[in-house]
Amino acid sequence: GRSYIRTNLTFDPGFMDHYLSAFPILGQFFWNLWRGSL
């Protein structure tokens, strides 16, 4: 009586380079999300 319902999104982090170029603080956050220690 219980289903497993989820959404998966997998993407190349490099896809965001162009969009983040105008937002340096957000870009730094994303860089750490990509390569930093969680």
PDB file of all heavy atoms in Angstrom:
ATOM      1  N   GLY A   1       0.794  -1.231   0.000  1.00  0.00           N
ATOM      2  CA  GLY A   1       0.000   0.000   0.000  1.00  0.00           C
ATOM      3  C   GLY A   1       0.819   1.270   0.000  1.00  0.00           C
ATOM      4  O   GLY A   1       0.276   2.351   0.257  1.00  0.00           O
ATOM      5  N   ARG A   2       2.102   1.178  -0.282  1.00  0.00           N
ATOM      6  CA  ARG A   2       2.957   2.374  -0.230  1.00  0.00           C
ATOM      7  C   ARG A   2       3.903   2.371  -1.430  1.00  0.00           C
ATOM      8  O   ARG A   2       4.708   1.451  -1.597  1.00  0.00           O
ATOM      9  CB  ARG A   2       3.758   2.404   1.068  1.00  0.00           C
ATOM     10  CG  ARG A   2       4.573   3.674   1.268  1.00  0.00           C
ATOM     11  CD  ARG A   2       5.065   3.733   2.711  1.00  0.00           C
ATOM     12  NE  ARG A   2       5.984   4.812   2.959  1.00  0.00           N
ATOM     13  CZ  ARG A   2       5.641   6.076   3.164  1.00  0.00           C
ATOM     14  NH1 ARG A   2       4.367   6.405   3.117  1.00  0.00           N
ATOM     15  NH2 ARG A   2       6.541   7.005   3.412  1.00  0.00           N
ATOM     16  N   SER A   3       3.813   3.378  -2.266  1.00  0.00           N
ATOM     17  CA  SER A   3       4.657   3.485  -3.445  1.00  0.00           C
ATOM     18  C   SER A   3       5.876   4.352  -3.171  1.00  0.00           C
ATOM     19  O   SER A   3       5.897   5.172  -2.241  1.00  0.00           O
ATOM     20  CB  SER A   3       3.869   4.089  -4.619  1.00  0.00           C
ATOM     21  OG  SER A   3       2.815   3.243  -5.005  1.00  0.00           O
ATOM     22  N   TYR A   4       6.878   4.164  -3.990  1.00  0.00           N
ATOM     23  CA  TYR A   4       8.077   4.991  -3.964  1.00  0.00           C
ATOM     24  C   TYR A   4       7.967   5.972  -5.126  1.00  0.00           C
ATOM     25  O   TYR A   4       8.024   5.591  -6.287  1.00  0.00           O
ATOM     26  CB  TYR A   4       9.306   4.094  -4.101  1.00  0.00           C
ATOM     27  CG  TYR A   4      10.620   4.819  -4.203  1.00  0.00           C
ATOM     28  CD1 TYR A   4      10.944   5.868  -3.345  1.00  0.00           C
ATOM     29  CD2 TYR A   4      11.564   4.435  -5.161  1.00  0.00           C
ATOM     30  CE1 TYR A   4      12.163   6.530  -3.443  1.00  0.00           C
ATOM     31  CE2 TYR A   4      12.792   5.076  -5.258  1.00  0.00           C
ATOM     32  CZ  TYR A   4      13.082   6.113  -4.398  1.00  0.00           C
ATOM     33  OH  TYR A   4      14.298   6.756  -4.501  1.00  0.00           O
ATOM     34  N   ILE A   5       7.770   7.246  -4.810  1.00  0.00           N
ATOM     35  CA  ILE A   5       7.552   8.283  -5.824  1.00  0.00           C
ATOM     36  C   ILE A   5       8.665   9.303  -5.714  1.00  0.00           C
ATOM     37  O   ILE A   5       8.872   9.896  -4.654  1.00  0.00           O
ATOM     38  CB  ILE A   5       6.188   8.975  -5.631  1.00  0.00           C
ATOM     39  CG1 ILE A   5       5.058   7.940  -5.557  1.00  0.00           C
ATOM     40  CG2 ILE A   5       5.934   9.964  -6.758  1.00  0.00           C
ATOM     41  CD1 ILE A   5       3.713   8.538  -5.197  1.00  0.00           C
ATOM     42  N   ARG A   6       9.376   9.512  -6.815  1.00  0.00           N
ATOM     43  CA  ARG A   6      10.504  10.442  -6.767  1.00  0.00           C
ATOM     44  C   ARG A   6      10.756  11.080  -8.122  1.00  0.00           C
ATOM     45  O   ARG A   6      10.307  10.601  -9.159  1.00  0.00           O
ATOM     46  CB  ARG A   6      11.765   9.763  -6.262  1.00  0.00           C
ATOM     47  CG  ARG A   6      12.535   8.925  -7.276  1.00  0.00           C
ATOM     48  CD  ARG A   6      11.944   7.574  -7.449  1.00  0.00           C
ATOM     49  NE  ARG A   6      12.856   6.628  -8.085  1.00  0.00           N
ATOM     50  CZ  ARG A   6      12.482   5.447  -8.550  1.00  0.00           C
ATOM     51  NH1 ARG A   6      11.220   5.081  -8.458  1.00  0.00           N
ATOM     52  NH2 ARG A   6      13.350   4.636  -9.101  1.00  0.00           N
ATOM     53  N   THR A   7      11.517  12.165  -8.069  1.00  0.00           N
ATOM     54  CA  THR A   7      11.997  12.858  -9.255  1.00  0.00           C
ATOM     55  C   THR A   7      13.513  12.841  -9.238  1.00  0.00           C
ATOM     56  O   THR A   7      14.122  13.112  -8.201  1.00  0.00           O
ATOM     57  CB  THR A   7      11.489  14.311  -9.286  1.00  0.00           C
ATOM     58  OG1 THR A   7      10.087  14.317  -9.579  1.00  0.00           O
ATOM     59  CG2 THR A   7      12.213  15.137 -10.325  1.00  0.00           C
ATOM     60  N   ASN A   8      14.111  12.521 -10.381  1.00  0.00           N
ATOM     61  CA  ASN A   8      15.568  12.537 -10.527  1.00  0.00           C
ATOM     62  C   ASN A   8      15.967  13.571 -11.573  1.00  0.00           C
ATOM     63  O   ASN A   8      15.399  13.598 -12.663  1.00  0.00           O
ATOM     64  CB  ASN A   8      16.103  11.175 -10.985  1.00  0.00           C
ATOM     65  CG  ASN A   8      16.115  10.150  -9.877  1.00  0.00           C
ATOM     66  OD1 ASN A   8      15.097   9.539  -9.590  1.00  0.00           O
ATOM     67  ND2 ASN A   8      17.274   9.957  -9.266  1.00  0.00           N
ATOM     68  N   LEU A   9      16.932  14.392 -11.236  1.00  0.00           N
ATOM     69  CA  LEU A   9      17.504  15.348 -12.174  1.00  0.00           C
ATOM     70  C   LEU A   9      19.020  15.187 -12.123  1.00  0.00           C
ATOM     71  O   LEU A   9      19.629  15.389 -11.066  1.00  0.00           O
ATOM     72  CB  LEU A   9      17.108  16.772 -11.792  1.00  0.00           C
ATOM     73  CG  LEU A   9      17.836  17.918 -12.501  1.00  0.00           C
ATOM     74  CD1 LEU A   9      17.640  17.842 -14.006  1.00  0.00           C
ATOM     75  CD2 LEU A   9      17.354  19.264 -11.966  1.00  0.00           C
ATOM     76  N   THR A  10      19.612  14.788 -13.237  1.00  0.00           N
ATOM     77  CA  THR A  10      21.062  14.654 -13.338  1.00  0.00           C
ATOM     78  C   THR A  10      21.549  15.567 -14.454  1.00  0.00           C
ATOM     79  O   THR A  10      21.001  15.534 -15.559  1.00  0.00           O
ATOM     80  CB  THR A  10      21.458  13.195 -13.636  1.00  0.00           C
ATOM     81  OG1 THR A  10      20.903  12.339 -12.636  1.00  0.00           O
ATOM     82  CG2 THR A  10      22.972  13.036 -13.649  1.00  0.00           C
ATOM     83  N   PHE A  11      22.560  16.374 -14.170  1.00  0.00           N
ATOM     84  CA  PHE A  11      23.010  17.332 -15.185  1.00  0.00           C
ATOM     85  C   PHE A  11      24.513  17.578 -15.062  1.00  0.00           C
ATOM     86  O   PHE A  11      25.106  17.425 -13.994  1.00  0.00           O
ATOM     87  CB  PHE A  11      22.245  18.656 -15.066  1.00  0.00           C
ATOM     88  CG  PHE A  11      22.491  19.402 -13.769  1.00  0.00           C
ATOM     89  CD1 PHE A  11      23.404  20.443 -13.708  1.00  0.00           C
ATOM     90  CD2 PHE A  11      21.794  19.052 -12.623  1.00  0.00           C
ATOM     91  CE1 PHE A  11      23.626  21.116 -12.517  1.00  0.00           C
ATOM     92  CE2 PHE A  11      22.009  19.727 -11.423  1.00  0.00           C
ATOM     93  CZ  PHE A  11      22.933  20.768 -11.377  1.00  0.00           C
ATOM     94  N   ASP A  12      25.105  17.952 -16.179  1.00  0.00           N
ATOM     95  CA  ASP A  12      26.504  18.335 -16.221  1.00  0.00           C
ATOM     96  C   ASP A  12      26.647  19.703 -15.563  1.00  0.00           C
ATOM     97  O   ASP A  12      26.017  20.666 -16.006  1.00  0.00           O
ATOM     98  CB  ASP A  12      26.956  18.390 -17.683  1.00  0.00           C
ATOM     99  CG  ASP A  12      28.425  18.726 -17.849  1.00  0.00           C
ATOM    100  OD1 ASP A  12      29.017  19.294 -16.912  1.00  0.00           O
ATOM    101  OD2 ASP A  12      28.977  18.429 -18.918  1.00  0.00           O
ATOM    102  N   PRO A  13      27.463  19.840 -14.507  1.00  0.00           N
ATOM    103  CA  PRO A  13      27.589  21.148 -13.840  1.00  0.00           C
ATOM    104  C   PRO A  13      28.025  22.256 -14.785  1.00  0.00           C
ATOM    105  O   PRO A  13      27.663  23.420 -14.592  1.00  0.00           O
ATOM    106  CB  PRO A  13      28.654  20.891 -12.765  1.00  0.00           C
ATOM    107  CG  PRO A  13      28.627  19.415 -12.534  1.00  0.00           C
ATOM    108  CD  PRO A  13      28.277  18.795 -13.849  1.00  0.00           C
ATOM    109  N   GLY A  14      28.776  21.903 -15.826  1.00  0.00           N
ATOM    110  CA  GLY A  14      29.234  22.916 -16.764  1.00  0.00           C
ATOM    111  C   GLY A  14      28.096  23.598 -17.500  1.00  0.00           C
ATOM    112  O   GLY A  14      28.270  24.708 -18.029  1.00  0.00           O
ATOM    113  N   PHE A  15      26.927  22.953 -17.531  1.00  0.00           N
ATOM    114  CA  PHE A  15      25.759  23.556 -18.176  1.00  0.00           C
ATOM    115  C   PHE A  15      25.397  24.896 -17.549  1.00  0.00           C
ATOM    116  O   PHE A  15      24.854  25.788 -18.209  1.00  0.00           O
ATOM    117  CB  PHE A  15      24.573  22.590 -18.087  1.00  0.00           C
ATOM    118  CG  PHE A  15      23.246  23.192 -18.451  1.00  0.00           C
ATOM    119  CD1 PHE A  15      22.998  23.647 -19.737  1.00  0.00           C
ATOM    120  CD2 PHE A  15      22.235  23.312 -17.506  1.00  0.00           C
ATOM    121  CE1 PHE A  15      21.767  24.208 -20.075  1.00  0.00           C
ATOM    122  CE2 PHE A  15      21.008  23.869 -17.829  1.00  0.00           C
ATOM    123  CZ  PHE A  15      20.783  24.310 -19.124  1.00  0.00           C
ATOM    124  N   MET A  16      25.722  25.065 -16.242  1.00  0.00           N
ATOM    125  CA  MET A  16      25.308  26.268 -15.531  1.00  0.00           C
ATOM    126  C   MET A  16      26.301  27.422 -15.647  1.00  0.00           C
ATOM    127  O   MET A  16      26.007  28.529 -15.178  1.00  0.00           O
ATOM    128  CB  MET A  16      25.087  25.937 -14.046  1.00  0.00           C
ATOM    129  CG  MET A  16      23.923  24.993 -13.784  1.00  0.00           C
ATOM    130  SD  MET A  16      22.356  25.568 -14.503  1.00  0.00           S
ATOM    131  CE  MET A  16      22.163  27.164 -13.709  1.00  0.00           C
ATOM    132  N   ASP A  17      27.472  27.207 -16.254  1.00  0.00           N
ATOM    133  CA  ASP A  17      28.494  28.257 -16.309  1.00  0.00           C
ATOM    134  C   ASP A  17      27.953  29.552 -16.902  1.00  0.00           C
ATOM    135  O   ASP A  17      28.145  30.644 -16.346  1.00  0.00           O
ATOM    136  CB  ASP A  17      29.695  27.781 -17.136  1.00  0.00           C
ATOM    137  CG  ASP A  17      30.552  26.776 -16.389  1.00  0.00           C
ATOM    138  OD1 ASP A  17      30.361  26.622 -15.164  1.00  0.00           O
ATOM    139  OD2 ASP A  17      31.411  26.147 -17.024  1.00  0.00           O
ATOM    140  N   HIS A  18      27.285  29.432 -18.034  1.00  0.00           N
ATOM    141  CA  HIS A  18      26.782  30.627 -18.723  1.00  0.00           C
ATOM    142  C   HIS A  18      25.760  31.369 -17.860  1.00  0.00           C
ATOM    143  O   HIS A  18      25.795  32.608 -17.761  1.00  0.00           O
ATOM    144  CB  HIS A  18      26.161  30.220 -20.056  1.00  0.00           C
ATOM    145  CG  HIS A  18      25.448  31.330 -20.753  1.00  0.00           C
ATOM    146  ND1 HIS A  18      26.110  32.404 -21.320  1.00  0.00           N
ATOM    147  CD2 HIS A  18      24.117  31.557 -20.956  1.00  0.00           C
ATOM    148  CE1 HIS A  18      25.222  33.223 -21.847  1.00  0.00           C
ATOM    149  NE2 HIS A  18      24.013  32.743 -21.643  1.00  0.00           N
ATOM    150  N   TYR A  19      24.869  30.635 -17.233  1.00  0.00           N
ATOM    151  CA  TYR A  19      23.787  31.264 -16.479  1.00  0.00           C
ATOM    152  C   TYR A  19      24.273  31.880 -15.167  1.00  0.00           C
ATOM    153  O   TYR A  19      23.704  32.853 -14.673  1.00  0.00           O
ATOM    154  CB  TYR A  19      22.683  30.240 -16.212  1.00  0.00           C
ATOM    155  CG  TYR A  19      22.064  29.724 -17.475  1.00  0.00           C
ATOM    156  CD1 TYR A  19      22.465  28.505 -18.027  1.00  0.00           C
ATOM    157  CD2 TYR A  19      21.102  30.458 -18.160  1.00  0.00           C
ATOM    158  CE1 TYR A  19      21.905  28.036 -19.206  1.00  0.00           C
ATOM    159  CE2 TYR A  19      20.547  30.010 -19.342  1.00  0.00           C
ATOM    160  CZ  TYR A  19      20.953  28.790 -19.865  1.00  0.00           C
ATOM    161  OH  TYR A  19      20.418  28.339 -21.038  1.00  0.00           O
ATOM    162  N   LEU A  20      25.333  31.314 -14.590  1.00  0.00           N
ATOM    163  CA  LEU A  20      25.830  31.800 -13.304  1.00  0.00           C
ATOM    164  C   LEU A  20      26.843  32.927 -13.443  1.00  0.00           C
ATOM    165  O   LEU A  20      27.232  33.527 -12.442  1.00  0.00           O
ATOM    166  CB  LEU A  20      26.461  30.639 -12.524  1.00  0.00           C
ATOM    167  CG  LEU A  20      25.480  29.620 -11.940  1.00  0.00           C
ATOM    168  CD1 LEU A  20      26.211  28.344 -11.536  1.00  0.00           C
ATOM    169  CD2 LEU A  20      24.741  30.210 -10.740  1.00  0.00           C
ATOM    170  N   SER A  21      27.261  33.222 -14.669  1.00  0.00           N
ATOM    171  CA  SER A  21      28.333  34.202 -14.856  1.00  0.00           C
ATOM    172  C   SER A  21      27.970  35.585 -14.320  1.00  0.00           C
ATOM    173  O   SER A  21      28.851  36.349 -13.915  1.00  0.00           O
ATOM    174  CB  SER A  21      28.701  34.288 -16.340  1.00  0.00           C
ATOM    175  OG  SER A  21      27.578  34.703 -17.115  1.00  0.00           O
ATOM    176  N   ALA A  22      26.692  35.913 -14.294  1.00  0.00           N
ATOM    177  CA  ALA A  22      26.258  37.232 -13.805  1.00  0.00           C
ATOM    178  C   ALA A  22      26.002  37.248 -12.301  1.00  0.00           C
ATOM    179  O   ALA A  22      25.675  38.300 -11.743  1.00  0.00           O
ATOM    180  CB  ALA A  22      24.991  37.667 -14.540  1.00  0.00           C
ATOM    181  N   PHE A  23      26.164  36.102 -11.635  1.00  0.00           N
ATOM    182  CA  PHE A  23      25.847  35.994 -10.205  1.00  0.00           C
ATOM    183  C   PHE A  23      27.039  35.367  -9.479  1.00  0.00           C
ATOM    184  O   PHE A  23      27.035  34.169  -9.187  1.00  0.00           O
ATOM    185  CB  PHE A  23      24.586  35.165 -10.001  1.00  0.00           C
ATOM    186  CG  PHE A  23      23.407  35.629 -10.813  1.00  0.00           C
ATOM    187  CD1 PHE A  23      23.041  34.963 -11.973  1.00  0.00           C
ATOM    188  CD2 PHE A  23      22.679  36.741 -10.426  1.00  0.00           C
ATOM    189  CE1 PHE A  23      21.958  35.386 -12.727  1.00  0.00           C
ATOM    190  CE2 PHE A  23      21.594  37.185 -11.177  1.00  0.00           C
ATOM    191  CZ  PHE A  23      21.237  36.508 -12.336  1.00  0.00           C
ATOM    192  N   PRO A  24      28.077  36.151  -9.166  1.00  0.00           N
ATOM    193  CA  PRO A  24      29.304  35.569  -8.614  1.00  0.00           C
ATOM    194  C   PRO A  24      29.136  34.872  -7.268  1.00  0.00           C
ATOM    195  O   PRO A  24      29.771  33.850  -7.022  1.00  0.00           O
ATOM    196  CB  PRO A  24      30.251  36.775  -8.502  1.00  0.00           C
ATOM    197  CG  PRO A  24      29.366  37.978  -8.558  1.00  0.00           C
ATOM    198  CD  PRO A  24      28.199  37.601  -9.387  1.00  0.00           C
ATOM    199  N   ILE A  25      28.283  35.407  -6.394  1.00  0.00           N
ATOM    200  CA  ILE A  25      28.107  34.767  -5.085  1.00  0.00           C
ATOM    201  C   ILE A  25      27.364  33.445  -5.239  1.00  0.00           C
ATOM    202  O   ILE A  25      27.752  32.418  -4.658  1.00  0.00           O
ATOM    203  CB  ILE A  25      27.360  35.709  -4.122  1.00  0.00           C
ATOM    204  CG1 ILE A  25      28.214  36.953  -3.839  1.00  0.00           C
ATOM    205  CG2 ILE A  25      27.037  34.984  -2.815  1.00  0.00           C
ATOM    206  CD1 ILE A  25      27.531  37.989  -2.972  1.00  0.00           C
ATOM    207  N   LEU A  26      26.313  33.449  -6.050  1.00  0.00           N
ATOM    208  CA  LEU A  26      25.590  32.209  -6.312  1.00  0.00           C
ATOM    209  C   LEU A  26      26.502  31.219  -7.042  1.00  0.00           C
ATOM    210  O   LEU A  26      26.458  30.011  -6.784  1.00  0.00           O
ATOM    211  CB  LEU A  26      24.340  32.490  -7.146  1.00  0.00           C
ATOM    212  CG  LEU A  26      23.379  31.314  -7.355  1.00  0.00           C
ATOM    213  CD1 LEU A  26      22.799  30.845  -6.033  1.00  0.00           C
ATOM    214  CD2 LEU A  26      22.265  31.694  -8.321  1.00  0.00           C
ATOM    215  N   GLY A  27      27.336  31.756  -7.944  1.00  0.00           N
ATOM    216  CA  GLY A  27      28.271  30.895  -8.657  1.00  0.00           C
ATOM    217  C   GLY A  27      29.275  30.246  -7.728  1.00  0.00           C
ATOM    218  O   GLY A  27      29.618  29.072  -7.901  1.00  0.00           O
ATOM    219  N   GLN A  28      29.754  31.003  -6.737  1.00  0.00           N
ATOM    220  CA  GLN A  28      30.684  30.428  -5.761  1.00  0.00           C
ATOM    221  C   GLN A  28      29.995  29.343  -4.938  1.00  0.00           C
ATOM    222  O   GLN A  28      30.578  28.294  -4.658  1.00  0.00           O
ATOM    223  CB  GLN A  28      31.221  31.510  -4.833  1.00  0.00           C
ATOM    224  CG  GLN A  28      32.224  31.022  -3.795  1.00  0.00           C
ATOM    225  CD  GLN A  28      33.491  30.468  -4.416  1.00  0.00           C
ATOM    226  OE1 GLN A  28      34.042  31.054  -5.342  1.00  0.00           O
ATOM    227  NE2 GLN A  28      33.954  29.326  -3.927  1.00  0.00           N
ATOM    228  N   PHE A  29      28.737  29.588  -4.555  1.00  0.00           N
ATOM    229  CA  PHE A  29      27.982  28.570  -3.829  1.00  0.00           C
ATOM    230  C   PHE A  29      27.858  27.300  -4.674  1.00  0.00           C
ATOM    231  O   PHE A  29      28.075  26.191  -4.184  1.00  0.00           O
ATOM    232  CB  PHE A  29      26.592  29.095  -3.476  1.00  0.00           C
ATOM    233  CG  PHE A  29      25.680  28.056  -2.897  1.00  0.00           C
ATOM    234  CD1 PHE A  29      25.725  27.739  -1.549  1.00  0.00           C
ATOM    235  CD2 PHE A  29      24.771  27.370  -3.704  1.00  0.00           C
ATOM    236  CE1 PHE A  29      24.890  26.758  -1.011  1.00  0.00           C
ATOM    237  CE2 PHE A  29      23.942  26.384  -3.185  1.00  0.00           C
ATOM    238  CZ  PHE A  29      24.009  26.096  -1.834  1.00  0.00           C
ATOM    239  N   PHE A  30      27.512  27.468  -5.955  1.00  0.00           N
ATOM    240  CA  PHE A  30      27.344  26.305  -6.817  1.00  0.00           C
ATOM    241  C   PHE A  30      28.663  25.573  -7.015  1.00  0.00           C
ATOM    242  O   PHE A  30      28.698  24.342  -7.037  1.00  0.00           O
ATOM    243  CB  PHE A  30      26.778  26.739  -8.174  1.00  0.00           C
ATOM    244  CG  PHE A  30      26.562  25.587  -9.117  1.00  0.00           C
ATOM    245  CD1 PHE A  30      25.535  24.686  -8.902  1.00  0.00           C
ATOM    246  CD2 PHE A  30      27.402  25.394 -10.206  1.00  0.00           C
ATOM    247  CE1 PHE A  30      25.331  23.613  -9.768  1.00  0.00           C
ATOM    248  CE2 PHE A  30      27.219  24.331 -11.075  1.00  0.00           C
ATOM    249  CZ  PHE A  30      26.181  23.440 -10.857  1.00  0.00           C
ATOM    250  N   TRP A  31      29.761  26.314  -7.151  1.00  0.00           N
ATOM    251  CA  TRP A  31      31.075  25.680  -7.306  1.00  0.00           C
ATOM    252  C   TRP A  31      31.374  24.799  -6.100  1.00  0.00           C
ATOM    253  O   TRP A  31      31.869  23.683  -6.236  1.00  0.00           O
ATOM    254  CB  TRP A  31      32.159  26.749  -7.471  1.00  0.00           C
ATOM    255  CG  TRP A  31      33.503  26.186  -7.869  1.00  0.00           C
ATOM    256  CD1 TRP A  31      33.997  26.049  -9.122  1.00  0.00           C
ATOM    257  CD2 TRP A  31      34.522  25.686  -6.988  1.00  0.00           C
ATOM    258  NE1 TRP A  31      35.251  25.500  -9.092  1.00  0.00           N
ATOM    259  CE2 TRP A  31      35.608  25.257  -7.802  1.00  0.00           C
ATOM    260  CE3 TRP A  31      34.628  25.544  -5.609  1.00  0.00           C
ATOM    261  CZ2 TRP A  31      36.779  24.710  -7.270  1.00  0.00           C
ATOM    262  CZ3 TRP A  31      35.791  24.990  -5.072  1.00  0.00           C
ATOM    263  CH2 TRP A  31      36.847  24.588  -5.896  1.00  0.00           C
ATOM    264  N   ASN A  32      31.074  25.301  -4.906  1.00  0.00           N
ATOM    265  CA  ASN A  32      31.292  24.507  -3.701  1.00  0.00           C
ATOM    266  C   ASN A  32      30.338  23.319  -3.623  1.00  0.00           C
ATOM    267  O   ASN A  32      30.697  22.254  -3.128  1.00  0.00           O
ATOM    268  CB  ASN A  32      31.144  25.390  -2.458  1.00  0.00           C
ATOM    269  CG  ASN A  32      32.372  26.229  -2.191  1.00  0.00           C
ATOM    270  OD1 ASN A  32      33.334  25.790  -1.593  1.00  0.00           O
ATOM    271  ND2 ASN A  32      32.354  27.460  -2.686  1.00  0.00           N
ATOM    272  N   LEU A  33      29.102  23.521  -4.103  1.00  0.00           N
ATOM    273  CA  LEU A  33      28.151  22.417  -4.145  1.00  0.00           C
ATOM    274  C   LEU A  33      28.664  21.312  -5.066  1.00  0.00           C
ATOM    275  O   LEU A  33      28.487  20.124  -4.796  1.00  0.00           O
ATOM    276  CB  LEU A  33      26.803  22.923  -4.644  1.00  0.00           C
ATOM    277  CG  LEU A  33      25.586  22.017  -4.456  1.00  0.00           C
ATOM    278  CD1 LEU A  33      25.223  21.909  -2.988  1.00  0.00           C
ATOM    279  CD2 LEU A  33      24.409  22.568  -5.252  1.00  0.00           C
ATOM    280  N   TRP A  34      29.311  21.720  -6.133  1.00  0.00           N
ATOM    281  CA  TRP A  34      29.843  20.809  -7.141  1.00  0.00           C
ATOM    282  C   TRP A  34      31.109  20.113  -6.662  1.00  0.00           C
ATOM    283  O   TRP A  34      31.246  18.898  -6.728  1.00  0.00           O
ATOM    284  CB  TRP A  34      30.098  21.628  -8.402  1.00  0.00           C
ATOM    285  CG  TRP A  34      30.783  20.973  -9.551  1.00  0.00           C
ATOM    286  CD1 TRP A  34      31.099  19.653  -9.704  1.00  0.00           C
ATOM    287  CD2 TRP A  34      31.245  21.633 -10.741  1.00  0.00           C
ATOM    288  NE1 TRP A  34      31.732  19.457 -10.910  1.00  0.00           N
ATOM    289  CE2 TRP A  34      31.831  20.645 -11.561  1.00  0.00           C
ATOM    290  CE3 TRP A  34      31.208  22.955 -11.178  1.00  0.00           C
ATOM    291  CZ2 TRP A  34      32.399  20.959 -12.802  1.00  0.00           C
ATOM    292  CZ3 TRP A  34      31.763  23.252 -12.409  1.00  0.00           C
ATOM    293  CH2 TRP A  34      32.351  22.263 -13.206  1.00  0.00           C
ATOM    294  N   ARG A  35      32.045  20.885  -6.102  1.00  0.00           N
ATOM    295  CA  ARG A  35      33.374  20.358  -5.806  1.00  0.00           C
ATOM    296  C   ARG A  35      33.751  20.376  -4.332  1.00  0.00           C
ATOM    297  O   ARG A  35      34.788  19.831  -3.945  1.00  0.00           O
ATOM    298  CB  ARG A  35      34.424  21.165  -6.571  1.00  0.00           C
ATOM    299  CG  ARG A  35      34.307  21.056  -8.084  1.00  0.00           C
ATOM    300  CD  ARG A  35      35.372  21.905  -8.763  1.00  0.00           C
ATOM    301  NE  ARG A  35      35.317  21.825 -10.201  1.00  0.00           N
ATOM    302  CZ  ARG A  35      35.974  20.929 -10.936  1.00  0.00           C
ATOM    303  NH1 ARG A  35      36.710  20.018 -10.323  1.00  0.00           N
ATOM    304  NH2 ARG A  35      35.880  20.932 -12.248  1.00  0.00           N
ATOM    305  N   GLY A  36      32.935  21.040  -3.492  1.00  0.00           N
ATOM    306  CA  GLY A  36      33.300  21.187  -2.093  1.00  0.00           C
ATOM    307  C   GLY A  36      32.914  19.983  -1.248  1.00  0.00           C
ATOM    308  O   GLY A  36      32.498  18.943  -1.745  1.00  0.00           O
ATOM    309  N   SER A  37      33.067  20.146   0.064  1.00  0.00           N
ATOM    310  CA  SER A  37      32.733  19.087   1.014  1.00  0.00           C
ATOM    311  C   SER A  37      31.342  19.337   1.578  1.00  0.00           C
ATOM    312  O   SER A  37      31.098  20.365   2.221  1.00  0.00           O
ATOM    313  CB  SER A  37      33.753  19.058   2.155  1.00  0.00           C
ATOM    314  OG  SER A  37      35.040  18.748   1.666  1.00  0.00           O
ATOM    315  N   LEU A  38      30.429  18.417   1.336  1.00  0.00           N
ATOM    316  CA  LEU A  38      29.079  18.539   1.874  1.00  0.00           C
ATOM    317  C   LEU A  38      29.048  18.040   3.309  1.00  0.00           C
ATOM    318  O   LEU A  38      29.588  16.980   3.618  1.00  0.00           O
ATOM    319  CB  LEU A  38      28.096  17.716   1.035  1.00  0.00           C
ATOM    320  CG  LEU A  38      27.951  18.064  -0.444  1.00  0.00           C
ATOM    321  CD1 LEU A  38      26.842  17.224  -1.058  1.00  0.00           C
ATOM    322  CD2 LEU A  38      27.661  19.534  -0.637  1.00  0.00           C
TER     323      LEU A  38
END
